[in-house]
C-alpha atoms as a PDB file:
ATOM      1  CA  MET A   1       3.226   2.344 -16.950  1.00  0.00           C
ATOM      2  CA  THR A   2       4.448   0.392 -13.938  1.00  0.00           C
ATOM      3  CA  LYS A   3       5.322  -3.260 -14.427  1.00  0.00           C
ATOM      4  CA  TYR A   4       4.504  -5.642 -11.580  1.00  0.00           C
ATOM      5  CA  VAL A   5       6.011  -8.912 -10.388  1.00  0.00           C
ATOM      6  CA  PHE A   6       3.990 -10.899  -7.848  1.00  0.00           C
ATOM      7  CA  LEU A   7       6.008 -13.400  -5.854  1.00  0.00           C
ATOM      8  CA  ASP A   8       4.042 -15.872  -3.745  1.00  0.00           C
ATOM      9  CA  GLY A   9       6.248 -17.949  -1.469  1.00  0.00           C
ATOM     10  CA  ALA A  10       3.535 -20.601  -1.352  1.00  0.00           C
ATOM     11  CA  ARG A  11       3.939 -21.115  -5.124  1.00  0.00           C
ATOM     12  CA  ILE A  12       7.598 -20.370  -5.769  1.00  0.00           C
ATOM     13  CA  ASP A  13       9.483 -23.395  -4.537  1.00  0.00           C
ATOM     14  CA  SER A  14      12.988 -22.844  -5.914  1.00  0.00           C
ATOM     15  CA  PRO A  15      15.392 -20.194  -7.203  1.00  0.00           C
ATOM     16  CA  ARG A  16      14.664 -21.416 -10.727  1.00  0.00           C
ATOM     17  CA  GLU A  17      10.944 -20.783 -10.234  1.00  0.00           C
ATOM     18  CA  LEU A  18      11.772 -17.290  -8.907  1.00  0.00           C
ATOM     19  CA  HIS A  19      13.683 -16.485 -12.091  1.00  0.00           C
ATOM     20  CA  GLU A  20      10.943 -18.000 -14.270  1.00  0.00           C
ATOM     21  CA  THR A  21       8.395 -15.755 -12.536  1.00  0.00           C
ATOM     22  CA  PHE A  22      10.483 -12.651 -13.252  1.00  0.00           C
ATOM     23  CA  ALA A  23      11.064 -13.750 -16.852  1.00  0.00           C
ATOM     24  CA  ALA A  24       7.362 -14.312 -17.506  1.00  0.00           C
ATOM     25  CA  SER A  25       6.102 -11.246 -15.625  1.00  0.00           C
ATOM     26  CA  LEU A  26       8.516  -8.820 -17.239  1.00  0.00           C
ATOM     27  CA  GLU A  27       8.918 -10.572 -20.596  1.00  0.00           C
ATOM     28  CA  LEU A  28      12.669 -10.803 -20.125  1.00  0.00           C
ATOM     29  CA  PRO A  29      14.752 -11.705 -23.187  1.00  0.00           C
ATOM     30  CA  ASP A  30      15.504 -15.324 -24.079  1.00  0.00           C
ATOM     31  CA  TYR A  31      19.162 -14.808 -23.193  1.00  0.00           C
ATOM     32  CA  PHE A  32      18.257 -14.049 -19.535  1.00  0.00           C
ATOM     33  CA  GLY A  33      20.718 -16.223 -17.592  1.00  0.00           C
ATOM     34  CA  ARG A  34      18.376 -17.041 -14.681  1.00  0.00           C
ATOM     35  CA  ASN A  35      20.788 -16.065 -11.949  1.00  0.00           C
ATOM     36  CA  MET A  36      20.994 -13.023  -9.655  1.00  0.00           C
ATOM     37  CA  ASP A  37      23.589 -11.178 -11.739  1.00  0.00           C
ATOM     38  CA  ALA A  38      21.561 -11.647 -14.911  1.00  0.00           C
ATOM     39  CA  LEU A  39      18.392 -10.609 -13.080  1.00  0.00           C
ATOM     40  CA  HIS A  40      20.106  -7.418 -11.921  1.00  0.00           C
ATOM     41  CA  ASP A  41      21.242  -6.651 -15.458  1.00  0.00           C
ATOM     42  CA  CYS A  42      17.794  -7.242 -16.958  1.00  0.00           C
ATOM     43  CA  LEU A  43      16.003  -5.232 -14.274  1.00  0.00           C
ATOM     44  CA  THR A  44      18.317  -2.244 -14.706  1.00  0.00           C
ATOM     45  CA  ASP A  45      17.641  -2.343 -18.465  1.00  0.00           C
ATOM     46  CA  ILE A  46      13.889  -1.858 -17.975  1.00  0.00           C
ATOM     47  CA  PHE A  47      12.934   1.784 -18.416  1.00  0.00           C
ATOM     48  CA  GLU A  48       9.457   1.604 -16.886  1.00  0.00           C
ATOM     49  CA  PRO A  49       8.968   1.603 -13.101  1.00  0.00           C
ATOM     50  CA  VAL A  50       8.939  -1.900 -11.601  1.00  0.00           C
ATOM     51  CA  THR A  51       7.206  -2.976  -8.403  1.00  0.00           C
ATOM     52  CA  VAL A  52       7.946  -6.398  -6.945  1.00  0.00           C
ATOM     53  CA  ILE A  53       5.389  -7.616  -4.399  1.00  0.00           C
ATOM     54  CA  ALA A  54       6.256 -10.622  -2.230  1.00  0.00           C
ATOM     55  CA  VAL A  55       3.616 -12.432  -0.188  1.00  0.00           C
ATOM     56  CA  ASN A  56       4.214 -15.432   2.041  1.00  0.00           C
ATOM     57  CA  ALA A  57       7.708 -13.988   2.294  1.00  0.00           C
ATOM     58  CA  GLU A  58       8.880 -16.369   5.019  1.00  0.00           C
ATOM     59  CA  LEU A  59       8.054 -19.335   2.782  1.00  0.00           C
ATOM     60  CA  LEU A  60       9.764 -17.612  -0.132  1.00  0.00           C
ATOM     61  CA  ARG A  61      12.968 -17.227   1.890  1.00  0.00           C
ATOM     62  CA  GLU A  62      12.741 -20.870   2.955  1.00  0.00           C
ATOM     63  CA  HIS A  63      12.221 -22.080  -0.619  1.00  0.00           C
ATOM     64  CA  LEU A  64      15.069 -19.953  -1.956  1.00  0.00           C
ATOM     65  CA  GLY A  65      17.494 -21.492   0.540  1.00  0.00           C
ATOM     66  CA  HIS A  66      21.013 -20.137   0.177  1.00  0.00           C
ATOM     67  CA  SER A  67      19.811 -17.794  -2.616  1.00  0.00           C
ATOM     68  CA  ALA A  68      17.466 -15.909  -0.256  1.00  0.00           C
ATOM     69  CA  ASN A  69      20.148 -13.542   1.050  1.00  0.00           C
ATOM     70  CA  ALA A  70      21.412 -12.770  -2.450  1.00  0.00           C
ATOM     71  CA  PHE A  71      17.855 -12.070  -3.587  1.00  0.00           C
ATOM     72  CA  ARG A  72      17.167  -9.695  -0.696  1.00  0.00           C
ATOM     73  CA  ARG A  73      20.470  -7.872  -1.320  1.00  0.00           C
ATOM     74  CA  LEU A  74      19.565  -7.563  -4.991  1.00  0.00           C
ATOM     75  CA  MET A  75      16.158  -6.086  -4.169  1.00  0.00           C
ATOM     76  CA  ALA A  76      17.709  -3.627  -1.669  1.00  0.00           C
ATOM     77  CA  ASP A  77      20.399  -2.593  -4.165  1.00  0.00           C
ATOM     78  CA  LEU A  78      17.856  -1.993  -6.909  1.00  0.00           C
ATOM     79  CA  CYS A  79      15.668   0.070  -4.582  1.00  0.00           C
ATOM     80  CA  GLU A  80      18.658   2.327  -3.950  1.00  0.00           C
ATOM     81  CA  GLU A  81      20.114   2.552  -7.448  1.00  0.00           C
ATOM     82  CA  LYS A  82      17.150   2.349  -9.841  1.00  0.00           C
ATOM     83  CA  GLU A  83      14.612   5.139  -9.880  1.00  0.00           C
ATOM     84  CA  GLY A  84      11.080   3.748  -9.958  1.00  0.00           C
ATOM     85  CA  PHE A  85      11.989   0.346  -8.514  1.00  0.00           C
ATOM     86  CA  ARG A  86      10.049  -0.807  -5.458  1.00  0.00           C
ATOM     87  CA  PHE A  87      10.172  -4.018  -3.439  1.00  0.00           C
ATOM     88  CA  LEU A  88       7.246  -4.650  -1.108  1.00  0.00           C
ATOM     89  CA  GLU A  89       7.376  -7.634   1.199  1.00  0.00           C
ATOM     90  CA  GLU A  90       4.704  -9.013   3.495  1.00  0.00           C
ATOM     91  CA  PRO A  91       4.019  -7.904   6.192  1.00  0.00           C
ATOM     92  CA  PHE A  92       3.508  -4.581   4.451  1.00  0.00           C
ATOM     93  CA  ASP A  93       4.384  -1.303   6.112  1.00  0.00           C
ATOM     94  CA  ASP A  94       1.416   1.030   6.608  1.00  0.00           C
ATOM     95  CA  ALA A  95       3.484   4.095   5.757  1.00  0.00           C
END
């Protein structure tokens, strides 16, 4: 069964809130370090497919500040290396 993470840039106002959203949505372990490296490690440990859906993406990037580039790299890396991982960002591609 696919697990979903919904990221709304209008509601996520900091990198900490981003990590809290992932932790709650995917029931990440208590030891999750709430940083990009720890997020990568936890996401690669999930065996089910994961789809991350980002809406209000421009606001999300703005709210993440200097962490926005690291987050986008992380999503791109996971799409390439983890089977069943998808990152969909608004505006969505029709294909």
